[in-house]
């Protein structure tokens, strides 16, 4: 992990539970007698990441509707740390510079917007096509004074577009980020979730297997999977290359890079 990622070592669950008491009921001991949580249980994952946001990023409060994607804070922070380093090196700007970023597919969690403001002191725009997610993310931003004036969640009403209708004329951004839908279908998403549960040591006779830490359909899969989604991102970005310095995206699957 990035040298400046504070979650590179084991989580201090006692400290986090002190900041958010509901986490305490999900803390268990692993075979070595160390405190952990069951990462196959979505409620436990939600409370852990909420605890991080309350303890380390000083949120007033934070809520997600049941069934929406729970953001793993350490991994999302990792992405932004490396992106900041790239921008600093590429454009010779101070790492403490106050950048302006755009998150394509902010989701109900709005995690990149929150981390951008609270960890880096950037200003952020989040774009999202799900109306419930837009409402939830916007309401969460109002729960913390520091977020109110530095984050705006915009509704992408036309799902055919990613940047169009979101980036306004004469607007400028230092970067865009994206966490694309990884899978090409619900079946593929379910298989990926079951594999992850097995890797995490979940019981083989578990009756209910949730999708990968929850998530709505548009958060987890789309026609063509992440490879086609990123191709759309690249193609549409050409029309906004004078308004965004750096376009970026997470890539989950090595196969998505095989031919590029």
C-alpha atoms as a PDB file:
ATOM      1  CA  UNK A   1       0.000   0.000   0.000  1.00  0.00           C
ATOM      2  CA  UNK A   2       0.934   3.650  -0.376  1.00  0.00           C
ATOM      3  CA  UNK A   3       3.357   4.775   2.329  1.00  0.00           C
ATOM      4  CA  UNK A   4       0.883   7.467   3.433  1.00  0.00           C
ATOM      5  CA  UNK A   5      -2.126   5.167   3.670  1.00  0.00           C
ATOM      6  CA  UNK A   6      -2.927   5.005   7.409  1.00  0.00           C
ATOM      7  CA  UNK A   7      -4.615   1.614   7.000  1.00  0.00           C
ATOM      8  CA  UNK A   8      -1.540  -0.276   5.815  1.00  0.00           C
ATOM      9  CA  UNK A   9      -1.338  -2.105   9.145  1.00  0.00           C
ATOM     10  CA  UNK A  10      -4.045  -3.923  11.108  1.00  0.00           C
ATOM     11  CA  UNK A  11      -7.128  -1.884  11.956  1.00  0.00           C
ATOM     12  CA  UNK A  12      -7.231  -0.436  15.459  1.00  0.00           C
ATOM     13  CA  UNK A  13     -10.707  -1.784  16.102  1.00  0.00           C
ATOM     14  CA  UNK A  14     -10.819  -0.617  19.700  1.00  0.00           C
ATOM     15  CA  UNK A  15     -10.184   2.985  18.622  1.00  0.00           C
ATOM     16  CA  UNK A  16     -12.718   2.746  15.812  1.00  0.00           C
ATOM     17  CA  UNK A  17     -15.375   1.189  18.056  1.00  0.00           C
ATOM     18  CA  UNK A  18     -14.863   4.018  20.550  1.00  0.00           C
ATOM     19  CA  UNK A  19     -15.800   6.428  17.768  1.00  0.00           C
ATOM     20  CA  UNK A  20     -18.724   4.308  16.536  1.00  0.00           C
ATOM     21  CA  UNK A  21     -20.083   1.874  19.135  1.00  0.00           C
ATOM     22  CA  UNK A  22     -22.208  -0.292  16.758  1.00  0.00           C
ATOM     23  CA  UNK A  23     -18.937  -1.685  15.392  1.00  0.00           C
ATOM     24  CA  UNK A  24     -18.265  -3.363  18.736  1.00  0.00           C
ATOM     25  CA  UNK A  25     -20.916  -6.053  18.249  1.00  0.00           C
ATOM     26  CA  UNK A  26     -19.205  -7.207  15.046  1.00  0.00           C
ATOM     27  CA  UNK A  27     -15.716  -7.609  16.510  1.00  0.00           C
ATOM     28  CA  UNK A  28     -14.619 -11.246  16.819  1.00  0.00           C
ATOM     29  CA  UNK A  29     -11.347 -13.073  17.431  1.00  0.00           C
ATOM     30  CA  UNK A  30      -9.484 -14.833  14.626  1.00  0.00           C
ATOM     31  CA  UNK A  31      -7.712 -18.180  15.197  1.00  0.00           C
ATOM     32  CA  UNK A  32      -4.633 -16.272  16.396  1.00  0.00           C
ATOM     33  CA  UNK A  33      -6.665 -14.478  19.055  1.00  0.00           C
ATOM     34  CA  UNK A  34      -6.520 -11.108  17.284  1.00  0.00           C
ATOM     35  CA  UNK A  35      -9.534  -8.857  16.926  1.00  0.00           C
ATOM     36  CA  UNK A  36     -11.136  -8.722  13.493  1.00  0.00           C
ATOM     37  CA  UNK A  37     -14.571  -8.715  11.856  1.00  0.00           C
ATOM     38  CA  UNK A  38     -16.264 -11.188   9.505  1.00  0.00           C
ATOM     39  CA  UNK A  39     -15.707  -9.508   6.139  1.00  0.00           C
ATOM     40  CA  UNK A  40     -18.397 -11.695   4.542  1.00  0.00           C
ATOM     41  CA  UNK A  41     -21.068  -9.987   6.676  1.00  0.00           C
ATOM     42  CA  UNK A  42     -22.184  -6.763   5.018  1.00  0.00           C
ATOM     43  CA  UNK A  43     -23.408  -5.177   8.265  1.00  0.00           C
ATOM     44  CA  UNK A  44     -19.959  -5.673   9.805  1.00  0.00           C
ATOM     45  CA  UNK A  45     -18.228  -4.166   6.768  1.00  0.00           C
ATOM     46  CA  UNK A  46     -20.609  -1.218   6.789  1.00  0.00           C
ATOM     47  CA  UNK A  47     -20.041  -0.465  10.479  1.00  0.00           C
ATOM     48  CA  UNK A  48     -16.258  -0.756  10.067  1.00  0.00           C
ATOM     49  CA  UNK A  49     -16.116   1.702   7.199  1.00  0.00           C
ATOM     50  CA  UNK A  50     -18.599   4.048   8.866  1.00  0.00           C
ATOM     51  CA  UNK A  51     -16.378   3.992  11.948  1.00  0.00           C
ATOM     52  CA  UNK A  52     -13.383   5.014   9.815  1.00  0.00           C
ATOM     53  CA  UNK A  53     -15.314   7.917   8.319  1.00  0.00           C
ATOM     54  CA  UNK A  54     -16.503   9.140  11.716  1.00  0.00           C
ATOM     55  CA  UNK A  55     -13.189   8.639  13.515  1.00  0.00           C
ATOM     56  CA  UNK A  56     -10.648   9.603  10.875  1.00  0.00           C
ATOM     57  CA  UNK A  57     -12.530  11.978   8.565  1.00  0.00           C
ATOM     58  CA  UNK A  58     -14.641  13.801  11.165  1.00  0.00           C
ATOM     59  CA  UNK A  59     -18.031  13.242   9.570  1.00  0.00           C
ATOM     60  CA  UNK A  60     -21.030  14.435  11.543  1.00  0.00           C
ATOM     61  CA  UNK A  61     -22.857  11.237  10.565  1.00  0.00           C
ATOM     62  CA  UNK A  62     -23.145   8.888   7.595  1.00  0.00           C
ATOM     63  CA  UNK A  63     -25.903   6.609   6.297  1.00  0.00           C
ATOM     64  CA  UNK A  64     -26.356   4.206   3.389  1.00  0.00           C
ATOM     65  CA  UNK A  65     -29.620   2.597   2.245  1.00  0.00           C
ATOM     66  CA  UNK A  66     -29.653  -1.182   2.575  1.00  0.00           C
ATOM     67  CA  UNK A  67     -28.423  -2.835  -0.599  1.00  0.00           C
ATOM     68  CA  UNK A  68     -26.142  -0.048  -1.835  1.00  0.00           C
ATOM     69  CA  UNK A  69     -22.408  -0.508  -2.316  1.00  0.00           C
ATOM     70  CA  UNK A  70     -20.392  -0.188   0.885  1.00  0.00           C
ATOM     71  CA  UNK A  71     -17.129   1.652   0.170  1.00  0.00           C
ATOM     72  CA  UNK A  72     -13.898   0.091   1.468  1.00  0.00           C
ATOM     73  CA  UNK A  73     -12.270   3.285   2.697  1.00  0.00           C
ATOM     74  CA  UNK A  74      -8.616   2.064   2.648  1.00  0.00           C
ATOM     75  CA  UNK A  75      -8.757   1.004  -1.006  1.00  0.00           C
ATOM     76  CA  UNK A  76     -10.524   4.163  -2.148  1.00  0.00           C
ATOM     77  CA  UNK A  77      -7.960   6.292  -0.322  1.00  0.00           C
ATOM     78  CA  UNK A  78      -5.175   4.276  -1.972  1.00  0.00           C
ATOM     79  CA  UNK A  79      -6.482   5.235  -5.422  1.00  0.00           C
ATOM     80  CA  UNK A  80      -6.557   8.939  -4.557  1.00  0.00           C
ATOM     81  CA  UNK A  81      -3.080   8.915  -2.999  1.00  0.00           C
ATOM     82  CA  UNK A  82      -1.527   7.469  -6.153  1.00  0.00           C
ATOM     83  CA  UNK A  83      -3.550   9.824  -8.354  1.00  0.00           C
ATOM     84  CA  UNK A  84      -2.343  12.819  -6.325  1.00  0.00           C
ATOM     85  CA  UNK A  85       1.273  11.657  -6.715  1.00  0.00           C
ATOM     86  CA  UNK A  86       0.823  11.253 -10.477  1.00  0.00           C
ATOM     87  CA  UNK A  87      -0.658  14.734 -10.872  1.00  0.00           C
ATOM     88  CA  UNK A  88       2.078  16.259  -8.719  1.00  0.00           C
ATOM     89  CA  UNK A  89       4.832  14.627 -10.785  1.00  0.00           C
ATOM     90  CA  UNK A  90       3.209  15.127 -14.184  1.00  0.00           C
ATOM     91  CA  UNK A  91       2.271  18.785 -13.754  1.00  0.00           C
ATOM     92  CA  UNK A  92       4.932  19.818 -11.222  1.00  0.00           C
ATOM     93  CA  UNK A  93       2.411  20.959  -8.630  1.00  0.00           C
ATOM     94  CA  UNK A  94       2.723  20.765  -4.862  1.00  0.00           C
ATOM     95  CA  UNK A  95       1.170  17.654  -3.326  1.00  0.00           C
ATOM     96  CA  UNK A  96      -0.741  19.948  -0.995  1.00  0.00           C
ATOM     97  CA  UNK A  97      -2.358  21.813  -3.902  1.00  0.00           C
ATOM     98  CA  UNK A  98      -6.125  22.238  -3.643  1.00  0.00           C
ATOM     99  CA  UNK A  99      -7.333  20.326  -6.684  1.00  0.00           C
ATOM    100  CA  UNK A 100     -10.803  20.072  -8.205  1.00  0.00           C
ATOM    101  CA  UNK A 101     -12.021  16.578  -8.995  1.00  0.00           C
ATOM    102  CA  UNK A 102     -14.930  14.790 -10.656  1.00  0.00           C
ATOM    103  CA  UNK A 103     -16.190  11.359  -9.606  1.00  0.00           C
ATOM    104  CA  UNK A 104     -18.051   9.504 -12.351  1.00  0.00           C
ATOM    105  CA  UNK A 105     -20.540   7.200 -10.614  1.00  0.00           C
ATOM    106  CA  UNK A 106     -20.331   8.624  -7.114  1.00  0.00           C
ATOM    107  CA  UNK A 107     -22.934   6.195  -5.808  1.00  0.00           C
ATOM    108  CA  UNK A 108     -24.930   6.620  -2.628  1.00  0.00           C
ATOM    109  CA  UNK A 109     -21.696   6.462  -0.634  1.00  0.00           C
ATOM    110  CA  UNK A 110     -19.971   9.433  -2.336  1.00  0.00           C
ATOM    111  CA  UNK A 111     -16.718   8.108  -0.936  1.00  0.00           C
ATOM    112  CA  UNK A 112     -14.261   9.727  -3.357  1.00  0.00           C
ATOM    113  CA  UNK A 113     -15.904  13.105  -2.785  1.00  0.00           C
ATOM    114  CA  UNK A 114     -15.690  12.699   0.994  1.00  0.00           C
ATOM    115  CA  UNK A 115     -12.067  11.562   0.995  1.00  0.00           C
ATOM    116  CA  UNK A 116     -11.111  14.201  -1.547  1.00  0.00           C
ATOM    117  CA  UNK A 117     -12.349  16.957   0.746  1.00  0.00           C
ATOM    118  CA  UNK A 118     -11.519  15.557   4.176  1.00  0.00           C
ATOM    119  CA  UNK A 119      -8.125  13.978   3.452  1.00  0.00           C
ATOM    120  CA  UNK A 120      -6.758  16.206   0.678  1.00  0.00           C
ATOM    121  CA  UNK A 121      -8.715  19.459   1.030  1.00  0.00           C
ATOM    122  CA  UNK A 122      -9.881  19.264  -2.591  1.00  0.00           C
ATOM    123  CA  UNK A 123     -13.251  20.328  -3.960  1.00  0.00           C
ATOM    124  CA  UNK A 124     -15.323  17.612  -5.628  1.00  0.00           C
ATOM    125  CA  UNK A 125     -18.233  17.062  -7.994  1.00  0.00           C
ATOM    126  CA  UNK A 126     -19.943  13.671  -7.937  1.00  0.00           C
ATOM    127  CA  UNK A 127     -21.943  12.447 -10.945  1.00  0.00           C
ATOM    128  CA  UNK A 128     -24.563   9.726 -10.459  1.00  0.00           C
ATOM    129  CA  UNK A 129     -27.460   8.337 -12.536  1.00  0.00           C
ATOM    130  CA  UNK A 130     -29.383   6.643  -9.686  1.00  0.00           C
ATOM    131  CA  UNK A 131     -31.822   9.184  -8.227  1.00  0.00           C
ATOM    132  CA  UNK A 132     -31.917   7.467  -4.807  1.00  0.00           C
ATOM    133  CA  UNK A 133     -28.134   7.464  -4.670  1.00  0.00           C
ATOM    134  CA  UNK A 134     -28.023  11.165  -5.584  1.00  0.00           C
ATOM    135  CA  UNK A 135     -30.474  11.972  -2.776  1.00  0.00           C
ATOM    136  CA  UNK A 136     -28.604   9.836  -0.230  1.00  0.00           C
ATOM    137  CA  UNK A 137     -25.156  11.188  -1.123  1.00  0.00           C
ATOM    138  CA  UNK A 138     -26.402  14.780  -1.100  1.00  0.00           C
ATOM    139  CA  UNK A 139     -28.033  14.311   2.300  1.00  0.00           C
ATOM    140  CA  UNK A 140     -24.856  12.782   3.714  1.00  0.00           C
ATOM    141  CA  UNK A 141     -22.854  15.805   2.615  1.00  0.00           C
ATOM    142  CA  UNK A 142     -25.190  18.076   4.558  1.00  0.00           C
ATOM    143  CA  UNK A 143     -24.452  16.182   7.790  1.00  0.00           C
ATOM    144  CA  UNK A 144     -20.898  17.568   7.926  1.00  0.00           C
ATOM    145  CA  UNK A 145     -20.266  21.302   7.747  1.00  0.00           C
ATOM    146  CA  UNK A 146     -16.875  20.891   6.062  1.00  0.00           C
ATOM    147  CA  UNK A 147     -18.479  19.066   3.121  1.00  0.00           C
ATOM    148  CA  UNK A 148     -21.377  21.407   2.393  1.00  0.00           C
ATOM    149  CA  UNK A 149     -19.505  23.989   0.353  1.00  0.00           C
ATOM    150  CA  UNK A 150     -16.900  21.731  -1.258  1.00  0.00           C
ATOM    151  CA  UNK A 151     -18.998  18.882  -2.677  1.00  0.00           C
ATOM    152  CA  UNK A 152     -21.838  18.890  -5.183  1.00  0.00           C
ATOM    153  CA  UNK A 153     -23.649  15.734  -6.305  1.00  0.00           C
ATOM    154  CA  UNK A 154     -25.118  16.063  -9.805  1.00  0.00           C
ATOM    155  CA  UNK A 155     -27.777  13.802 -11.299  1.00  0.00           C
ATOM    156  CA  UNK A 156     -26.884  12.277 -14.660  1.00  0.00           C
ATOM    157  CA  UNK A 157     -30.397  11.930 -16.031  1.00  0.00           C
ATOM    158  CA  UNK A 158     -29.308  10.406 -19.354  1.00  0.00           C
ATOM    159  CA  UNK A 159     -27.563   7.088 -18.714  1.00  0.00           C
ATOM    160  CA  UNK A 160     -26.172   7.118 -22.253  1.00  0.00           C
ATOM    161  CA  UNK A 161     -23.628   9.709 -21.135  1.00  0.00           C
ATOM    162  CA  UNK A 162     -20.893   9.850 -18.520  1.00  0.00           C
ATOM    163  CA  UNK A 163     -19.431  13.372 -18.804  1.00  0.00           C
ATOM    164  CA  UNK A 164     -21.997  15.095 -21.002  1.00  0.00           C
ATOM    165  CA  UNK A 165     -24.596  17.112 -19.039  1.00  0.00           C
ATOM    166  CA  UNK A 166     -22.371  16.887 -15.957  1.00  0.00           C
ATOM    167  CA  UNK A 167     -19.377  18.977 -17.017  1.00  0.00           C
ATOM    168  CA  UNK A 168     -20.686  22.434 -17.743  1.00  0.00           C
ATOM    169  CA  UNK A 169     -19.272  24.857 -20.340  1.00  0.00           C
ATOM    170  CA  UNK A 170     -16.045  26.530 -19.158  1.00  0.00           C
ATOM    171  CA  UNK A 171     -15.759  24.269 -16.102  1.00  0.00           C
ATOM    172  CA  UNK A 172     -12.260  22.983 -15.377  1.00  0.00           C
ATOM    173  CA  UNK A 173     -11.209  19.875 -13.428  1.00  0.00           C
ATOM    174  CA  UNK A 174      -7.778  18.634 -12.430  1.00  0.00           C
ATOM    175  CA  UNK A 175      -8.890  15.008 -12.629  1.00  0.00           C
ATOM    176  CA  UNK A 176     -11.744  12.540 -12.886  1.00  0.00           C
ATOM    177  CA  UNK A 177     -12.008   9.245 -11.005  1.00  0.00           C
ATOM    178  CA  UNK A 178     -14.241   6.269 -11.618  1.00  0.00           C
ATOM    179  CA  UNK A 179     -15.056   2.968  -9.964  1.00  0.00           C
ATOM    180  CA  UNK A 180     -16.746   1.204 -12.894  1.00  0.00           C
ATOM    181  CA  UNK A 181     -19.169  -1.732 -12.687  1.00  0.00           C
ATOM    182  CA  UNK A 182     -16.804  -4.703 -12.714  1.00  0.00           C
ATOM    183  CA  UNK A 183     -19.094  -7.445 -14.049  1.00  0.00           C
ATOM    184  CA  UNK A 184     -21.001  -8.037 -17.271  1.00  0.00           C
ATOM    185  CA  UNK A 185     -24.066  -9.687 -15.695  1.00  0.00           C
ATOM    186  CA  UNK A 186     -25.767 -10.519 -12.417  1.00  0.00           C
ATOM    187  CA  UNK A 187     -24.603 -14.151 -12.678  1.00  0.00           C
ATOM    188  CA  UNK A 188     -20.983 -13.077 -13.084  1.00  0.00           C
ATOM    189  CA  UNK A 189     -21.311 -10.698 -10.121  1.00  0.00           C
ATOM    190  CA  UNK A 190     -22.762 -13.489  -7.972  1.00  0.00           C
ATOM    191  CA  UNK A 191     -19.964 -15.891  -8.913  1.00  0.00           C
ATOM    192  CA  UNK A 192     -17.390 -13.257  -8.041  1.00  0.00           C
ATOM    193  CA  UNK A 193     -19.045 -12.642  -4.694  1.00  0.00           C
ATOM    194  CA  UNK A 194     -19.190 -16.337  -3.806  1.00  0.00           C
ATOM    195  CA  UNK A 195     -15.525 -16.751  -4.725  1.00  0.00           C
ATOM    196  CA  UNK A 196     -14.588 -13.827  -2.506  1.00  0.00           C
ATOM    197  CA  UNK A 197     -16.641 -15.213   0.367  1.00  0.00           C
ATOM    198  CA  UNK A 198     -14.853 -18.550   0.043  1.00  0.00           C
ATOM    199  CA  UNK A 199     -11.456 -16.846  -0.044  1.00  0.00           C
ATOM    200  CA  UNK A 200     -12.383 -14.999   3.125  1.00  0.00           C
ATOM    201  CA  UNK A 201     -13.192 -18.290   4.815  1.00  0.00           C
ATOM    202  CA  UNK A 202     -16.952 -17.989   4.985  1.00  0.00           C
ATOM    203  CA  UNK A 203     -18.768 -21.221   5.859  1.00  0.00           C
ATOM    204  CA  UNK A 204     -19.545 -23.441   2.895  1.00  0.00           C
ATOM    205  CA  UNK A 205     -23.078 -24.026   4.211  1.00  0.00           C
ATOM    206  CA  UNK A 206     -23.927 -20.310   4.491  1.00  0.00           C
ATOM    207  CA  UNK A 207     -27.543 -20.018   3.371  1.00  0.00           C
ATOM    208  CA  UNK A 208     -27.398 -16.454   2.090  1.00  0.00           C
ATOM    209  CA  UNK A 209     -24.626 -15.082  -0.092  1.00  0.00           C
ATOM    210  CA  UNK A 210     -24.837 -11.328  -0.580  1.00  0.00           C
ATOM    211  CA  UNK A 211     -23.314  -9.713  -3.616  1.00  0.00           C
ATOM    212  CA  UNK A 212     -19.864  -8.250  -3.101  1.00  0.00           C
ATOM    213  CA  UNK A 213     -20.486  -6.106  -0.001  1.00  0.00           C
ATOM    214  CA  UNK A 214     -23.959  -5.222  -1.271  1.00  0.00           C
ATOM    215  CA  UNK A 215     -24.529  -3.055  -4.328  1.00  0.00           C
ATOM    216  CA  UNK A 216     -27.214  -2.077  -6.813  1.00  0.00           C
ATOM    217  CA  UNK A 217     -27.198  -3.521 -10.319  1.00  0.00           C
ATOM    218  CA  UNK A 218     -25.724  -0.373 -11.872  1.00  0.00           C
ATOM    219  CA  UNK A 219     -22.912  -0.427  -9.286  1.00  0.00           C
ATOM    220  CA  UNK A 220     -21.895  -4.035  -9.937  1.00  0.00           C
ATOM    221  CA  UNK A 221     -22.550  -4.924 -13.563  1.00  0.00           C
ATOM    222  CA  UNK A 222     -23.247  -3.490 -17.000  1.00  0.00           C
ATOM    223  CA  UNK A 223     -23.372  -4.774 -20.553  1.00  0.00           C
ATOM    224  CA  UNK A 224     -19.821  -5.655 -21.557  1.00  0.00           C
ATOM    225  CA  UNK A 225     -18.473  -5.329 -18.025  1.00  0.00           C
ATOM    226  CA  UNK A 226     -15.742  -2.934 -16.974  1.00  0.00           C
ATOM    227  CA  UNK A 227     -13.770  -3.235 -20.244  1.00  0.00           C
ATOM    228  CA  UNK A 228     -16.627  -1.858 -22.336  1.00  0.00           C
ATOM    229  CA  UNK A 229     -17.488   0.731 -19.684  1.00  0.00           C
ATOM    230  CA  UNK A 230     -13.919   2.048 -19.679  1.00  0.00           C
ATOM    231  CA  UNK A 231     -13.931   2.157 -23.488  1.00  0.00           C
ATOM    232  CA  UNK A 232     -17.050   4.353 -23.240  1.00  0.00           C
ATOM    233  CA  UNK A 233     -15.249   6.490 -20.681  1.00  0.00           C
ATOM    234  CA  UNK A 234     -12.244   6.934 -22.969  1.00  0.00           C
ATOM    235  CA  UNK A 235     -14.338   7.656 -26.054  1.00  0.00           C
ATOM    236  CA  UNK A 236     -16.489  10.280 -24.346  1.00  0.00           C
ATOM    237  CA  UNK A 237     -13.527  11.860 -22.564  1.00  0.00           C
ATOM    238  CA  UNK A 238     -12.178  13.055 -25.934  1.00  0.00           C
ATOM    239  CA  UNK A 239     -14.927  15.666 -26.015  1.00  0.00           C
ATOM    240  CA  UNK A 240     -13.806  17.082 -22.678  1.00  0.00           C
ATOM    241  CA  UNK A 241     -10.018  16.855 -22.953  1.00  0.00           C
ATOM    242  CA  UNK A 242      -9.692  20.642 -22.719  1.00  0.00           C
ATOM    243  CA  UNK A 243     -11.632  20.695 -19.432  1.00  0.00           C
ATOM    244  CA  UNK A 244     -10.115  17.759 -17.513  1.00  0.00           C
ATOM    245  CA  UNK A 245      -6.352  17.385 -17.084  1.00  0.00           C
ATOM    246  CA  UNK A 246      -6.313  13.707 -16.062  1.00  0.00           C
ATOM    247  CA  UNK A 247      -8.944  11.051 -16.715  1.00  0.00           C
ATOM    248  CA  UNK A 248      -8.603   7.915 -14.584  1.00  0.00           C
ATOM    249  CA  UNK A 249     -10.396   4.726 -13.636  1.00  0.00           C
ATOM    250  CA  UNK A 250      -9.960   1.700 -11.439  1.00  0.00           C
ATOM    251  CA  UNK A 251      -9.470  -1.563 -13.310  1.00  0.00           C
ATOM    252  CA  UNK A 252     -10.482  -4.685 -11.397  1.00  0.00           C
ATOM    253  CA  UNK A 253      -9.645  -7.460 -13.837  1.00  0.00           C
ATOM    254  CA  UNK A 254      -6.283  -8.120 -15.503  1.00  0.00           C
ATOM    255  CA  UNK A 255      -8.166  -9.418 -18.567  1.00  0.00           C
ATOM    256  CA  UNK A 256      -9.569  -5.937 -19.115  1.00  0.00           C
ATOM    257  CA  UNK A 257      -6.034  -4.753 -19.945  1.00  0.00           C
ATOM    258  CA  UNK A 258      -5.036  -7.723 -22.086  1.00  0.00           C
ATOM    259  CA  UNK A 259      -5.598  -6.062 -25.439  1.00  0.00           C
ATOM    260  CA  UNK A 260      -4.694  -2.478 -24.508  1.00  0.00           C
END
